[in-house]
N, C-alpha and C. Protein backbone atom coordinates (compact mmCIF):
# COMPACT_ATOMS: atom_id res chain seq x y z
N UNK A 1 -0.36 -6.40 -10.02
CA UNK A 1 0.57 -6.57 -10.29
C UNK A 1 1.67 -6.88 -8.99
N UNK A 2 1.53 -6.25 -7.83
CA UNK A 2 2.14 -5.79 -6.58
C UNK A 2 1.96 -7.06 -6.02
N UNK A 3 1.11 -7.50 -5.97
CA UNK A 3 0.97 -9.01 -5.26
C UNK A 3 1.55 -10.33 -5.67
N UNK A 4 1.51 -10.00 -7.53
CA UNK A 4 2.18 -10.93 -7.95
C UNK A 4 3.68 -11.30 -7.91
N UNK A 5 4.31 -9.31 -8.02
CA UNK A 5 6.11 -9.25 -8.01
C UNK A 5 6.04 -10.29 -6.57
N UNK A 6 5.32 -9.44 -5.29
CA UNK A 6 5.55 -10.23 -4.07
C UNK A 6 5.99 -11.37 -3.77
N UNK A 7 5.03 -12.45 -4.26
CA UNK A 7 4.80 -13.74 -4.43
C UNK A 7 5.86 -14.11 -5.33
N UNK A 8 6.66 -13.65 -6.05
CA UNK A 8 8.08 -13.53 -6.50
C UNK A 8 8.88 -13.33 -5.99
N UNK A 9 8.96 -13.07 -5.00
CA UNK A 9 10.54 -12.00 -3.96
C UNK A 9 10.79 -10.90 -4.64
N UNK A 10 10.54 -10.74 -5.96
CA UNK A 10 10.86 -9.34 -6.16
C UNK A 10 10.70 -7.90 -5.17
N UNK A 11 9.87 -8.28 -4.28
CA UNK A 11 9.88 -6.64 -3.37
C UNK A 11 9.01 -7.19 -2.37
N UNK A 12 9.56 -6.26 -1.95
CA UNK A 12 8.52 -6.23 -0.18
C UNK A 12 7.12 -5.99 -0.28
N UNK A 13 6.77 -6.24 0.23
CA UNK A 13 4.77 -6.37 -0.18
C UNK A 13 4.27 -5.11 0.15
N UNK A 14 4.55 -5.32 1.83
CA UNK A 14 4.23 -4.09 2.96
C UNK A 14 4.63 -2.86 2.28
N UNK A 15 6.16 -3.02 1.82
CA UNK A 15 6.81 -1.75 2.43
C UNK A 15 6.26 -1.08 0.31
N UNK A 16 6.23 -1.64 -0.18
CA UNK A 16 5.25 -1.65 -1.52
C UNK A 16 4.21 -0.71 -2.01
N UNK A 17 3.34 -1.44 -0.89
CA UNK A 17 2.02 -1.15 -0.60
C UNK A 17 1.67 0.46 -0.11
N UNK A 18 2.54 1.04 0.91
CA UNK A 18 2.35 1.59 1.51
C UNK A 18 3.02 3.08 0.27
N UNK A 19 4.49 2.87 0.07
CA UNK A 19 4.92 3.61 -1.02
C UNK A 19 4.00 4.00 -2.21
N UNK A 20 3.15 2.81 -2.46
CA UNK A 20 2.09 3.46 -3.88
C UNK A 20 1.33 4.61 -2.92
N UNK A 21 0.46 3.80 -1.90
CA UNK A 21 -0.70 4.92 -1.43
C UNK A 21 0.08 6.31 -1.61
N UNK A 22 1.55 6.55 -0.66
CA UNK A 22 1.34 7.75 -0.21
C UNK A 22 1.83 8.48 -1.86
N UNK A 23 2.79 7.69 -2.39
CA UNK A 23 2.80 8.03 -4.03
C UNK A 23 1.58 9.11 -4.48
N UNK A 24 0.62 7.96 -4.19
CA UNK A 24 -0.77 8.67 -4.94
C UNK A 24 -1.10 10.45 -4.05
N UNK A 25 -0.81 10.23 -2.80
CA UNK A 25 -1.33 11.44 -1.82
C UNK A 25 -0.41 12.23 -2.23
N UNK A 26 0.46 12.29 -2.63
CA UNK A 26 1.75 12.99 -2.68
C UNK A 26 1.56 13.74 -4.24
N UNK A 27 0.80 12.83 -4.84
CA UNK A 27 0.63 13.70 -6.59
C UNK A 27 -0.21 14.16 -6.67
N UNK A 28 -1.31 14.50 -5.11
CA UNK A 28 -2.35 15.29 -4.94
C UNK A 28 -3.80 15.05 -5.11
N UNK A 29 -3.91 13.31 -4.55
CA UNK A 29 -4.78 12.62 -5.00
C UNK A 29 -6.17 13.22 -3.60
N UNK A 30 -7.20 13.51 -3.67
CA UNK A 30 -7.77 14.01 -2.37
C UNK A 30 -8.55 12.04 -1.92
N UNK A 31 -8.47 11.28 -2.92
CA UNK A 31 -9.50 9.90 -2.30
C UNK A 31 -8.43 8.93 -3.09
N UNK A 32 -8.06 7.61 -1.71
CA UNK A 32 -7.49 6.67 -2.99
C UNK A 32 -8.08 5.07 -2.39
N UNK A 33 -9.05 4.59 -3.49
CA UNK A 33 -9.16 3.72 -3.72
C UNK A 33 -9.07 2.26 -4.01
N UNK A 34 -8.95 1.37 -2.80
CA UNK A 34 -7.53 0.23 -3.14
C UNK A 34 -8.35 -0.81 -2.26
N UNK A 35 -7.70 -1.80 -2.90
CA UNK A 35 -7.97 -3.35 -2.43
C UNK A 35 -7.45 -3.35 -1.10
N UNK A 36 -6.04 -2.49 -1.39
CA UNK A 36 -5.50 -2.65 0.28
C UNK A 36 -5.70 -1.78 1.53
N UNK A 37 -7.12 -1.15 1.37
CA UNK A 37 -7.19 -0.49 1.86
C UNK A 37 -7.82 -0.79 3.56
N UNK A 38 -8.86 -2.27 3.53
CA UNK A 38 -8.49 -2.82 4.85
C UNK A 38 -7.22 -3.03 5.63
N UNK A 39 -6.60 -3.63 4.78
CA UNK A 39 -5.13 -4.27 5.05
C UNK A 39 -4.04 -2.97 5.81
N UNK A 40 -4.06 -1.81 5.25
CA UNK A 40 -3.37 -0.79 5.33
C UNK A 40 -3.95 -0.32 6.45
N UNK A 41 -5.14 0.30 6.91
CA UNK A 41 -6.38 0.56 8.02
C UNK A 41 -5.55 -0.27 8.94
N UNK A 42 -5.87 -1.73 8.88
CA UNK A 42 -5.29 -2.30 10.06
C UNK A 42 -4.16 -2.15 11.05
N UNK A 43 -2.85 -1.93 9.89
CA UNK A 43 -1.78 -1.90 10.12
C UNK A 43 -1.16 -0.64 10.54
N UNK A 44 -2.49 0.47 10.32
CA UNK A 44 -2.24 1.85 10.77
C UNK A 44 -2.40 1.89 12.17
N UNK A 45 -3.57 1.19 12.21
CA UNK A 45 -3.97 1.62 13.23
C UNK A 45 -3.00 0.50 15.00
N UNK A 46 -2.72 -0.46 14.21
CA UNK A 46 -1.64 -1.11 15.15
C UNK A 46 -0.59 -0.59 15.26
N UNK A 47 0.36 0.24 14.30
CA UNK A 47 1.39 1.30 14.63
C UNK A 47 1.33 2.12 15.65
N UNK A 48 -0.02 2.82 15.84
CA UNK A 48 -0.19 4.02 16.27
C UNK A 48 -1.02 4.01 17.21
C-alpha cells in the first residue's frame, strides 16, 4: 500500500516507511517484521 501510494506521487516513500516503523515502536512493539527491513538497515548504516 505504501509503495503503491509512493509510485503515484501521493507521499514520500522513504519518510513514510521510517514513520511507519517508528509508529510501531512507539506503540510498544518489541519486534517489527517488514519487507522494508533490509532497505532501512542499509539506510541507517549509511547515516551513522
